[in-house]
Amino acid sequence: MRNPAKVLTVVLTLFTLSLLIIVRFQTNNLIVSGELYTDMPVIFVDPPDVSGTVGENFTVVIKAFNLTCSFYQTDEEWVPGDPLPPPGFRYILSLGNLYSFDISMSWDPTVLEYVSHEVMVPVQTYPEGILNAPADKVEDNLDATAGTLVVVYGSRLPAEEFNCPDDNATIFKMTFNIIKEGACTLGLDEVTLYQRKLKFMEAMHKIPHHTINGQFRTPGARTRIVSLEVLALVGTQLYEPPLILGENGTIKVNVRNDGMVTETYNLTLYNGTVPLCDWENEMLNPGESMMYNHTLKAENLTRGLFTITANATITHGSELIHDSLSTQFRVVNTPLPQITLSPTEVAADEPVTLDASGSSHQDPDGSIKNYTWLLYEPGANQPRQKLENQEVATYSFDKNGTWRIELVVTDNWDITYIEDRPATEPYRTEITLDVAPKKPPSIFNIENIALIIIVVVIIVLVFLYIRRRMR
């Protein structure tokens, strides 16, 4: 006879495994199982979890679920990413009646290579698609290098609004090629849905919705260097490169474990071929990431272009795998802005030429691309006038006193003066101009002289006439 305790143990074990399998199936197949939000429309990536090996292609579909012709009243505006606000009466939000959409999607282009995409507009052409005809493409902008796609389409009158209550509609399909082991998010970064503007709800024409990203992972995903950048370090503030001569820099390296097991690694930073620092016997659990920082001292930096490389040796099972990532950064010198005024002595309301053509850049690779004039009237802390994109400008100072004239330049690296960034001080210069009171009009101008001559001539003629009559 079988042992009842053993039988019970086996039954409980099988039951637990069944529950785990069911939960796992439902989690990995959220879209298939239909477990989508029903309080608002949903824009989602289907399938939500994708895996594949290097060299394979796969396709994901961006869909809309449960667009309805219903409305929701509330006292608060809906904020993207938030749930529906509590009921009320101030606003009427449409939960469907789609008339146009604006979707930005992103992926990691170092892991996935864009192959193609197809927008399914309108439903008269694509029965499983979205929007009613007539419909137009507003924007279909792909940047495969950056890993972004922006798709904007809209219906136009006399098209009807689109709805798909309790059902899915395909917005567009995307196909990728897997070019590297790793993982990334198939991100729906910005999604805006619009209903047709109605007179009684002119300001409330965006449709509330949920957004669900997709996830990609290769089965052999492992620890890798995912990013490397060099930034200017000013106190605790970071600025995008290039660095300005005299500033410290900071190297930021991000290492992430996309694999399924804990892995150890060694990480070394190089400036060219010169080692800078290293971290040994580092460890990351699955899904974890670590940011490493190294400061580049200003006294060790000269003007020029530098290459920073991060090398990692990862213990991947019984293998030692090497990963490397490089980036370049530049250290630049500053410009020499110069102001010339003509004339240098002026009275109020007289024009003055502001000339910055004598400005130059101290960096051999640098140039000035923009000039901005800030004119401060006597005693003022805020500029009275701002003249942009003018190397040479003309201005009439309408108030006597000492004016402050400031010139701010921007160079070809888009660096300009920032008050809290001391190294940008050379990007501005200023001088003062003493403006004399407005000169009173002279009685000896051409008009007055002509008038005096005419009057004298008349008097002489009258005198001669009278004298002649008296003879």
Protein backbone atom coordinates (compact mmCIF):
# COMPACT_ATOMS: atom_id res chain seq x y z
CA MET A 1 0.00 0.00 0.00
CA ARG A 2 1.29 3.42 -0.92
CA ASN A 3 2.38 5.82 1.80
CA PRO A 4 -0.39 8.51 2.08
CA ALA A 5 2.13 11.14 3.18
CA LYS A 6 4.28 10.58 0.09
CA VAL A 7 1.20 10.70 -2.17
CA LEU A 8 0.11 14.00 -0.57
CA THR A 9 3.62 15.44 -0.99
CA VAL A 10 3.67 14.50 -4.69
CA VAL A 11 0.20 15.99 -5.24
CA LEU A 12 1.13 19.26 -3.50
CA THR A 13 4.38 19.46 -5.46
CA LEU A 14 2.59 18.97 -8.79
CA PHE A 15 -0.05 21.53 -7.78
CA THR A 16 2.63 24.11 -6.90
CA LEU A 17 4.46 23.52 -10.16
CA SER A 18 1.20 23.90 -12.06
CA LEU A 19 0.56 27.25 -10.38
CA LEU A 20 4.07 28.42 -11.20
CA ILE A 21 3.66 27.38 -14.84
CA ILE A 22 0.30 29.16 -15.07
CA VAL A 23 1.68 32.34 -13.48
CA ARG A 24 4.74 32.25 -15.72
CA PHE A 25 2.58 31.73 -18.80
CA GLN A 26 0.33 34.61 -17.89
CA THR A 27 3.25 36.91 -17.15
CA ASN A 28 5.10 36.17 -20.38
CA ASN A 29 1.95 36.24 -22.46
CA LEU A 30 0.17 39.25 -21.03
CA ILE A 31 -1.15 40.31 -24.41
CA VAL A 32 -2.19 36.81 -25.53
CA SER A 33 -4.07 36.10 -22.34
CA GLY A 34 -6.04 39.30 -22.76
CA GLU A 35 -5.05 40.67 -19.36
CA LEU A 36 -4.99 44.28 -20.52
CA TYR A 37 -6.28 47.34 -18.74
CA THR A 38 -9.94 48.02 -19.45
CA ASP A 39 -10.45 51.40 -17.75
CA MET A 40 -8.63 53.23 -20.57
CA PRO A 41 -7.39 52.39 -24.06
CA VAL A 42 -3.99 50.65 -24.17
CA ILE A 43 -1.11 51.11 -26.61
CA PHE A 44 1.22 48.13 -26.35
CA VAL A 45 3.99 46.13 -28.01
CA ASP A 46 2.96 42.60 -29.01
CA PRO A 47 4.49 40.21 -28.10
CA PRO A 48 5.62 41.90 -24.89
CA ASP A 49 8.67 39.63 -24.42
CA VAL A 50 10.84 38.64 -27.37
CA SER A 51 13.97 36.51 -27.43
CA GLY A 52 16.21 35.35 -30.26
CA THR A 53 19.78 34.64 -31.28
CA VAL A 54 22.24 36.76 -33.20
CA GLY A 55 21.46 36.78 -36.95
CA GLU A 56 17.73 36.16 -36.55
CA ASN A 57 14.93 38.53 -37.56
CA PHE A 58 11.78 39.11 -35.53
CA THR A 59 8.70 41.31 -35.87
CA VAL A 60 6.73 43.13 -33.20
CA VAL A 61 3.35 44.79 -33.63
CA ILE A 62 2.33 48.03 -31.95
CA LYS A 63 -1.37 47.79 -31.19
CA ALA A 64 -4.22 49.78 -29.69
CA PHE A 65 -6.73 48.04 -27.43
CA ASN A 66 -10.23 49.08 -26.39
CA LEU A 67 -10.70 52.43 -28.09
CA THR A 68 -14.35 53.19 -27.40
CA CYS A 69 -16.83 55.92 -28.15
CA SER A 70 -17.46 56.41 -24.41
CA PHE A 71 -16.64 59.51 -22.35
CA TYR A 72 -15.40 60.06 -18.80
CA GLN A 73 -16.12 63.13 -16.67
CA THR A 74 -13.61 64.41 -14.10
CA ASP A 75 -12.58 67.57 -12.28
CA GLU A 76 -8.86 67.08 -13.02
CA GLU A 77 -6.80 67.00 -16.20
CA TRP A 78 -5.38 63.61 -17.12
CA VAL A 79 -1.56 63.42 -17.08
CA PRO A 80 0.12 60.87 -19.40
CA GLY A 81 1.27 57.85 -17.41
CA ASP A 82 -1.25 58.43 -14.64
CA PRO A 83 -4.49 56.54 -14.03
CA LEU A 84 -7.80 58.22 -14.69
CA PRO A 85 -8.43 60.98 -12.12
CA PRO A 86 -11.48 60.70 -9.83
CA PRO A 87 -14.89 61.33 -11.40
CA GLY A 88 -16.19 64.87 -11.57
CA PHE A 89 -17.83 67.36 -13.91
CA ARG A 90 -15.27 69.91 -15.11
CA TYR A 91 -13.69 67.96 -17.99
CA ILE A 92 -15.13 65.46 -20.44
CA LEU A 93 -12.47 63.00 -21.58
CA SER A 94 -13.01 60.78 -24.59
CA LEU A 95 -11.85 57.17 -24.19
CA GLY A 96 -11.84 56.65 -27.91
CA ASN A 97 -13.10 58.33 -31.08
CA LEU A 98 -9.51 58.29 -32.40
CA TYR A 99 -8.75 60.76 -35.16
CA SER A 100 -4.94 60.91 -35.12
CA PHE A 101 -1.90 59.56 -33.26
CA ASP A 102 1.71 60.59 -32.54
CA ILE A 103 3.99 57.73 -31.41
CA SER A 104 7.75 57.74 -30.70
CA MET A 105 9.42 54.35 -30.34
CA SER A 106 13.02 53.50 -29.40
CA TRP A 107 15.37 50.51 -29.15
CA ASP A 108 19.08 49.83 -28.63
CA PRO A 109 20.68 50.03 -32.11
CA THR A 110 23.82 48.27 -30.86
CA VAL A 111 21.74 45.16 -30.17
CA LEU A 112 18.95 45.41 -32.75
CA GLU A 113 19.24 46.56 -36.34
CA TYR A 114 16.19 48.12 -37.97
CA VAL A 115 14.97 46.17 -41.01
CA SER A 116 11.56 47.61 -41.93
CA HIS A 117 8.26 48.96 -40.65
CA GLU A 118 4.75 49.28 -42.05
CA VAL A 119 2.03 51.62 -40.80
CA MET A 120 -1.46 50.10 -41.03
CA VAL A 121 -3.49 53.19 -41.99
CA PRO A 122 -6.38 53.30 -42.91
CA VAL A 123 -8.68 50.37 -42.13
CA GLN A 124 -10.14 50.62 -45.63
CA THR A 125 -6.71 49.41 -46.87
CA TYR A 126 -5.66 47.37 -43.81
CA PRO A 127 -8.74 45.73 -42.22
CA GLU A 128 -6.74 44.91 -39.06
CA GLY A 129 -5.34 48.46 -39.00
CA ILE A 130 -6.38 51.80 -37.54
CA LEU A 131 -7.97 55.16 -38.50
CA ASN A 132 -10.60 55.74 -41.14
CA ALA A 133 -10.04 57.18 -44.60
CA PRO A 134 -9.29 59.75 -45.76
CA ALA A 135 -6.11 59.71 -43.69
CA ASP A 136 -2.69 61.31 -44.20
CA LYS A 137 0.88 60.72 -43.12
CA VAL A 138 2.08 63.73 -41.11
CA GLU A 139 5.47 62.34 -40.08
CA ASP A 140 7.26 59.02 -40.55
CA ASN A 141 10.77 59.75 -39.33
CA LEU A 142 13.28 56.94 -38.83
CA ASP A 143 16.74 57.35 -37.28
CA ALA A 144 18.16 53.82 -37.40
CA THR A 145 21.51 54.98 -36.02
CA ALA A 146 19.93 56.45 -32.88
CA GLY A 147 17.31 53.70 -32.69
CA THR A 148 14.21 55.89 -32.91
CA LEU A 149 11.05 56.02 -35.00
CA VAL A 150 8.41 58.76 -34.93
CA VAL A 151 5.08 57.97 -36.61
CA VAL A 152 2.34 60.60 -36.90
CA TYR A 153 -0.85 59.93 -38.91
CA GLY A 154 -4.26 61.53 -38.88
CA SER A 155 -7.70 61.26 -40.46
CA ARG A 156 -9.34 64.27 -42.03
CA LEU A 157 -12.90 65.19 -42.74
CA PRO A 158 -15.22 63.63 -43.74
CA ALA A 159 -13.56 60.59 -42.06
CA GLU A 160 -15.31 59.02 -39.08
CA GLU A 161 -13.59 58.54 -35.72
CA PHE A 162 -12.02 55.14 -35.13
CA ASN A 163 -13.04 52.80 -32.29
CA CYS A 164 -12.32 49.16 -31.42
CA PRO A 165 -14.18 48.38 -28.17
CA ASP A 166 -12.90 45.19 -26.48
CA ASP A 167 -10.66 44.52 -29.47
CA ASN A 168 -7.17 45.26 -30.86
CA ALA A 169 -6.16 47.39 -33.83
CA THR A 170 -2.70 47.32 -35.42
CA ILE A 171 -0.97 50.69 -35.62
CA PHE A 172 2.30 49.57 -37.21
CA LYS A 173 4.66 46.59 -37.48
CA MET A 174 8.43 46.63 -37.05
CA THR A 175 11.04 44.06 -38.04
CA PHE A 176 14.51 43.90 -36.47
CA ASN A 177 17.67 41.88 -37.00
CA ILE A 178 19.57 40.75 -33.89
CA ILE A 179 23.17 41.88 -34.31
CA LYS A 180 24.56 41.41 -30.78
CA GLU A 181 23.85 39.49 -27.62
CA GLY A 182 22.11 41.63 -25.07
CA ALA A 183 18.80 43.01 -23.93
CA CYS A 184 16.88 46.20 -24.51
CA THR A 185 13.50 47.82 -24.12
CA LEU A 186 11.25 48.26 -27.12
CA GLY A 187 10.07 51.55 -25.71
CA LEU A 188 6.93 53.49 -26.50
CA ASP A 189 8.56 56.69 -25.28
CA GLU A 190 5.87 59.19 -26.23
CA VAL A 191 2.34 58.31 -27.25
CA THR A 192 -0.35 60.91 -27.89
CA LEU A 193 -3.82 60.00 -29.12
CA TYR A 194 -6.21 62.67 -30.38
CA GLN A 195 -9.92 62.76 -30.89
CA ARG A 196 -11.44 65.25 -33.29
CA LYS A 197 -11.75 68.66 -31.63
CA LEU A 198 -15.33 69.48 -30.73
CA LYS A 199 -16.60 72.95 -29.94
CA PHE A 200 -17.72 72.06 -26.44
CA MET A 201 -14.39 70.39 -25.55
CA GLU A 202 -11.87 72.35 -27.60
CA ALA A 203 -9.07 72.08 -25.01
CA MET A 204 -9.65 68.43 -24.05
CA HIS A 205 -8.99 66.48 -27.24
CA LYS A 206 -6.26 64.09 -26.02
CA ILE A 207 -7.38 60.53 -25.30
CA PRO A 208 -6.23 59.03 -21.95
CA HIS A 209 -4.46 55.67 -22.35
CA HIS A 210 -2.05 53.17 -20.81
CA THR A 211 1.30 52.36 -22.47
CA ILE A 212 3.06 48.97 -22.26
CA ASN A 213 6.62 48.63 -23.57
CA GLY A 214 8.12 45.48 -25.02
CA GLN A 215 11.31 43.73 -23.88
CA PHE A 216 13.97 41.94 -25.94
CA ARG A 217 16.68 39.58 -24.67
CA THR A 218 19.02 37.07 -26.27
CA PRO A 219 19.21 33.68 -24.51
CA GLY A 220 22.97 34.12 -24.14
CA ALA A 221 22.76 37.61 -22.68
CA ARG A 222 25.56 38.35 -20.25
CA THR A 223 27.41 41.11 -18.45
CA ARG A 224 28.56 43.87 -20.80
CA ILE A 225 29.59 47.53 -20.95
CA VAL A 226 26.45 49.35 -22.06
CA SER A 227 27.61 52.99 -22.05
CA LEU A 228 30.72 55.14 -21.76
CA GLU A 229 30.77 58.95 -21.70
CA VAL A 230 33.02 61.82 -20.68
CA LEU A 231 31.46 64.98 -19.22
CA ALA A 232 32.76 68.31 -17.95
CA LEU A 233 32.70 68.37 -14.15
CA VAL A 234 32.15 71.76 -12.49
CA GLY A 235 31.59 71.29 -8.76
CA THR A 236 28.72 68.83 -8.73
CA GLN A 237 27.33 70.00 -12.08
CA LEU A 238 27.93 68.02 -15.27
CA TYR A 239 28.07 69.49 -18.77
CA GLU A 240 28.10 67.83 -22.16
CA PRO A 241 31.48 67.74 -23.92
CA PRO A 242 33.66 69.26 -25.13
CA LEU A 243 35.50 70.24 -21.98
CA ILE A 244 36.96 73.73 -21.72
CA LEU A 245 40.66 74.04 -20.95
CA GLY A 246 41.01 74.28 -17.17
CA GLU A 247 37.97 72.15 -16.32
CA ASN A 248 37.93 68.72 -14.69
CA GLY A 249 36.27 65.87 -16.52
CA THR A 250 34.49 62.76 -15.34
CA ILE A 251 34.32 59.38 -17.06
CA LYS A 252 31.09 57.46 -16.50
CA VAL A 253 30.93 53.75 -17.36
CA ASN A 254 27.75 51.71 -17.05
CA VAL A 255 28.06 47.91 -16.79
CA ARG A 256 24.93 45.73 -16.82
CA ASN A 257 24.24 42.03 -16.39
CA ASP A 258 21.60 41.01 -18.93
CA GLY A 259 22.23 37.33 -18.27
CA MET A 260 20.52 34.78 -16.06
CA VAL A 261 23.31 34.11 -13.54
CA THR A 262 25.59 36.16 -11.29
CA GLU A 263 28.86 37.03 -13.03
CA THR A 264 32.20 38.54 -11.98
CA TYR A 265 34.42 40.81 -14.05
CA ASN A 266 37.42 43.13 -14.09
CA LEU A 267 37.08 46.62 -15.58
CA THR A 268 39.93 48.89 -16.77
CA LEU A 269 39.86 52.44 -18.17
CA TYR A 270 42.44 53.72 -20.66
CA ASN A 271 43.28 57.16 -22.02
CA GLY A 272 44.59 56.09 -25.39
CA THR A 273 46.94 53.28 -24.36
CA VAL A 274 47.66 54.66 -20.89
CA PRO A 275 45.78 52.87 -18.05
CA LEU A 276 43.80 55.25 -15.85
CA CYS A 277 42.22 53.00 -13.22
CA ASP A 278 40.75 49.55 -12.76
CA TRP A 279 38.17 47.69 -10.68
CA GLU A 280 38.81 43.99 -9.95
CA ASN A 281 36.55 41.10 -8.95
CA GLU A 282 33.36 43.11 -9.41
CA MET A 283 30.08 41.16 -9.27
CA LEU A 284 26.63 41.72 -10.72
CA ASN A 285 23.46 39.71 -10.21
CA PRO A 286 21.04 39.12 -13.12
CA GLY A 287 19.32 42.37 -14.13
CA GLU A 288 21.65 44.57 -12.06
CA SER A 289 23.79 47.41 -13.36
CA MET A 290 26.67 49.41 -11.91
CA MET A 291 27.90 52.93 -12.72
CA TYR A 292 31.64 53.61 -12.38
CA ASN A 293 33.14 57.11 -12.24
CA HIS A 294 36.68 58.37 -12.71
CA THR A 295 37.78 62.02 -12.48
CA LEU A 296 40.15 63.54 -15.03
CA LYS A 297 42.09 66.35 -13.35
CA ALA A 298 42.30 69.65 -15.24
CA GLU A 299 46.07 69.86 -14.71
CA ASN A 300 46.47 66.60 -16.66
CA LEU A 301 44.36 67.75 -19.61
CA THR A 302 45.65 69.70 -22.59
CA ARG A 303 43.86 71.00 -25.66
CA GLY A 304 43.08 68.28 -28.19
CA LEU A 305 41.11 65.13 -28.99
CA PHE A 306 41.31 62.12 -26.65
CA THR A 307 40.09 58.51 -26.81
CA ILE A 308 38.83 56.79 -23.67
CA THR A 309 38.43 53.01 -23.71
CA ALA A 310 36.75 50.73 -21.18
CA ASN A 311 37.81 47.07 -21.25
CA ALA A 312 36.05 44.35 -19.27
CA THR A 313 37.00 40.71 -18.74
CA ILE A 314 33.89 38.76 -17.74
CA THR A 315 33.73 35.30 -16.22
CA HIS A 316 30.84 33.83 -18.18
CA GLY A 317 30.39 30.25 -16.96
CA SER A 318 33.63 28.50 -17.76
CA GLU A 319 34.62 31.17 -20.33
CA LEU A 320 36.50 34.44 -20.08
CA ILE A 321 34.76 36.94 -22.38
CA HIS A 322 36.20 40.34 -23.28
CA ASP A 323 34.04 43.40 -23.91
CA SER A 324 35.25 46.85 -24.92
CA LEU A 325 33.74 50.26 -25.59
CA SER A 326 35.49 53.49 -26.68
CA THR A 327 34.50 57.12 -26.91
CA GLN A 328 36.23 60.35 -27.85
CA PHE A 329 36.14 63.70 -26.13
CA ARG A 330 37.69 67.05 -26.90
CA VAL A 331 39.30 69.71 -24.71
CA VAL A 332 39.01 73.15 -26.31
CA ASN A 333 40.33 76.65 -25.82
CA THR A 334 38.06 79.69 -25.61
CA PRO A 335 37.23 82.56 -27.98
CA LEU A 336 38.33 86.18 -27.67
CA PRO A 337 35.24 88.34 -28.20
CA GLN A 338 35.98 91.98 -29.03
CA ILE A 339 33.74 95.05 -29.19
CA THR A 340 34.39 98.10 -31.36
CA LEU A 341 32.06 101.13 -31.23
CA SER A 342 31.67 103.80 -33.88
CA PRO A 343 31.45 106.60 -32.94
CA THR A 344 32.83 106.36 -29.40
CA GLU A 345 31.32 109.68 -28.31
CA VAL A 346 27.61 110.00 -28.84
CA ALA A 347 24.55 111.86 -27.60
CA ALA A 348 21.14 110.38 -26.89
CA ASP A 349 19.21 109.17 -29.96
CA GLU A 350 22.32 109.14 -32.14
CA PRO A 351 23.04 105.78 -33.88
CA VAL A 352 26.07 103.73 -32.85
CA THR A 353 27.58 100.80 -34.75
CA LEU A 354 28.35 97.78 -32.54
CA ASP A 355 31.04 95.77 -34.27
CA ALA A 356 32.25 92.30 -33.15
CA SER A 357 34.12 91.45 -36.36
CA GLY A 358 37.44 91.73 -34.52
CA SER A 359 36.56 88.70 -32.38
CA SER A 360 38.55 85.48 -32.81
CA HIS A 361 38.83 81.96 -31.42
CA GLN A 362 41.98 80.76 -29.64
CA ASP A 363 41.35 77.11 -30.57
CA PRO A 364 42.69 76.09 -34.01
CA ASP A 365 39.55 74.03 -34.59
CA GLY A 366 37.20 76.61 -33.11
CA SER A 367 35.10 79.33 -34.68
CA ILE A 368 32.42 81.76 -33.54
CA LYS A 369 29.02 81.05 -35.02
CA ASN A 370 26.74 83.44 -33.14
CA TYR A 371 26.94 86.91 -31.59
CA THR A 372 24.43 88.24 -29.04
CA TRP A 373 24.39 91.85 -27.84
CA LEU A 374 22.90 92.76 -24.44
CA LEU A 375 22.38 96.47 -23.86
CA TYR A 376 21.85 97.73 -20.29
CA GLU A 377 20.60 101.26 -19.74
CA PRO A 378 22.15 103.31 -16.89
CA GLY A 379 21.61 101.67 -13.50
CA ALA A 380 19.73 98.63 -14.88
CA ASN A 381 20.43 94.99 -13.99
CA GLN A 382 18.35 93.54 -16.81
CA PRO A 383 19.10 94.21 -20.49
CA ARG A 384 17.00 96.87 -22.15
CA GLN A 385 17.64 95.36 -25.59
CA LYS A 386 18.84 91.99 -26.90
CA LEU A 387 20.21 91.77 -30.44
CA GLU A 388 20.81 88.21 -31.66
CA ASN A 389 22.65 86.69 -34.62
CA GLN A 390 24.34 89.99 -35.49
CA GLU A 391 28.09 90.35 -35.82
CA VAL A 392 27.58 94.03 -36.62
CA ALA A 393 24.54 95.88 -35.28
CA THR A 394 23.30 99.46 -35.08
CA TYR A 395 21.49 100.93 -32.10
CA SER A 396 20.40 104.39 -30.97
CA PHE A 397 20.78 104.91 -27.22
CA ASP A 398 17.79 107.00 -26.20
CA LYS A 399 18.82 107.85 -22.64
CA ASN A 400 21.86 109.77 -21.47
CA GLY A 401 24.19 108.23 -18.91
CA THR A 402 26.55 105.25 -18.80
CA TRP A 403 25.27 102.25 -20.77
CA ARG A 404 26.75 98.77 -20.36
CA ILE A 405 27.24 96.85 -23.61
CA GLU A 406 27.76 93.09 -23.28
CA LEU A 407 28.73 90.73 -26.10
CA VAL A 408 28.13 86.97 -25.67
CA VAL A 409 29.40 84.56 -28.33
CA THR A 410 28.62 80.92 -29.13
CA ASP A 411 31.19 78.75 -30.86
CA ASN A 412 30.95 75.81 -33.25
CA TRP A 413 30.70 73.39 -30.30
CA ASP A 414 27.60 75.23 -29.02
CA ILE A 415 29.47 76.44 -25.94
CA THR A 416 28.39 79.85 -24.67
CA TYR A 417 28.55 81.83 -21.46
CA ILE A 418 26.91 80.16 -18.44
CA GLU A 419 27.05 82.10 -15.19
CA ASP A 420 27.67 79.00 -13.04
CA ARG A 421 30.37 77.62 -15.34
CA PRO A 422 33.50 79.73 -14.69
CA ALA A 423 35.41 78.41 -17.71
CA THR A 424 32.83 80.08 -20.00
CA GLU A 425 33.66 83.57 -18.72
CA PRO A 426 35.82 84.28 -21.84
CA TYR A 427 32.70 83.76 -23.97
CA ARG A 428 31.52 87.22 -22.93
CA THR A 429 32.99 90.68 -22.78
CA GLU A 430 31.60 94.09 -22.00
CA ILE A 431 32.39 97.79 -22.27
CA THR A 432 30.64 100.98 -21.22
CA LEU A 433 29.46 103.87 -23.34
CA ASP A 434 28.85 107.34 -21.95
CA VAL A 435 25.87 108.85 -23.75
CA ALA A 436 25.65 112.64 -23.52
CA PRO A 437 22.30 114.46 -23.18
CA LYS A 438 20.46 115.02 -26.38
CA LYS A 439 21.81 118.09 -28.19
CA PRO A 440 19.38 121.02 -28.49
CA PRO A 441 18.49 121.90 -32.06
CA SER A 442 20.77 124.58 -33.56
CA ILE A 443 19.27 127.73 -35.02
CA PHE A 444 21.96 127.63 -37.66
CA ASN A 445 20.75 124.63 -39.56
CA ILE A 446 20.07 124.80 -43.30
CA GLU A 447 16.36 125.39 -42.92
CA ASN A 448 16.81 128.26 -40.47
CA ILE A 449 19.57 129.89 -42.56
CA ALA A 450 17.37 129.70 -45.65
CA LEU A 451 14.49 131.26 -43.73
CA ILE A 452 16.73 134.09 -42.44
CA ILE A 453 17.95 134.82 -45.99
CA ILE A 454 14.40 134.95 -47.27
CA VAL A 455 13.36 137.30 -44.46
CA VAL A 456 16.39 139.58 -45.09
CA VAL A 457 15.68 139.67 -48.82
CA ILE A 458 12.05 140.59 -48.15
CA ILE A 459 13.08 143.33 -45.73
CA VAL A 460 15.59 144.74 -48.26
CA LEU A 461 13.01 144.68 -51.03
CA VAL A 462 10.45 146.36 -48.84
CA PHE A 463 13.00 148.99 -47.83
CA LEU A 464 13.94 149.66 -51.46
CA TYR A 465 10.29 149.82 -52.45
CA ILE A 466 9.49 152.36 -49.69
CA ARG A 467 12.52 154.45 -50.53
CA ARG A 468 11.61 154.50 -54.17
CA ARG A 469 8.08 155.64 -53.38
CA MET A 470 9.39 158.51 -51.24
CA ARG A 471 11.39 160.03 -54.06
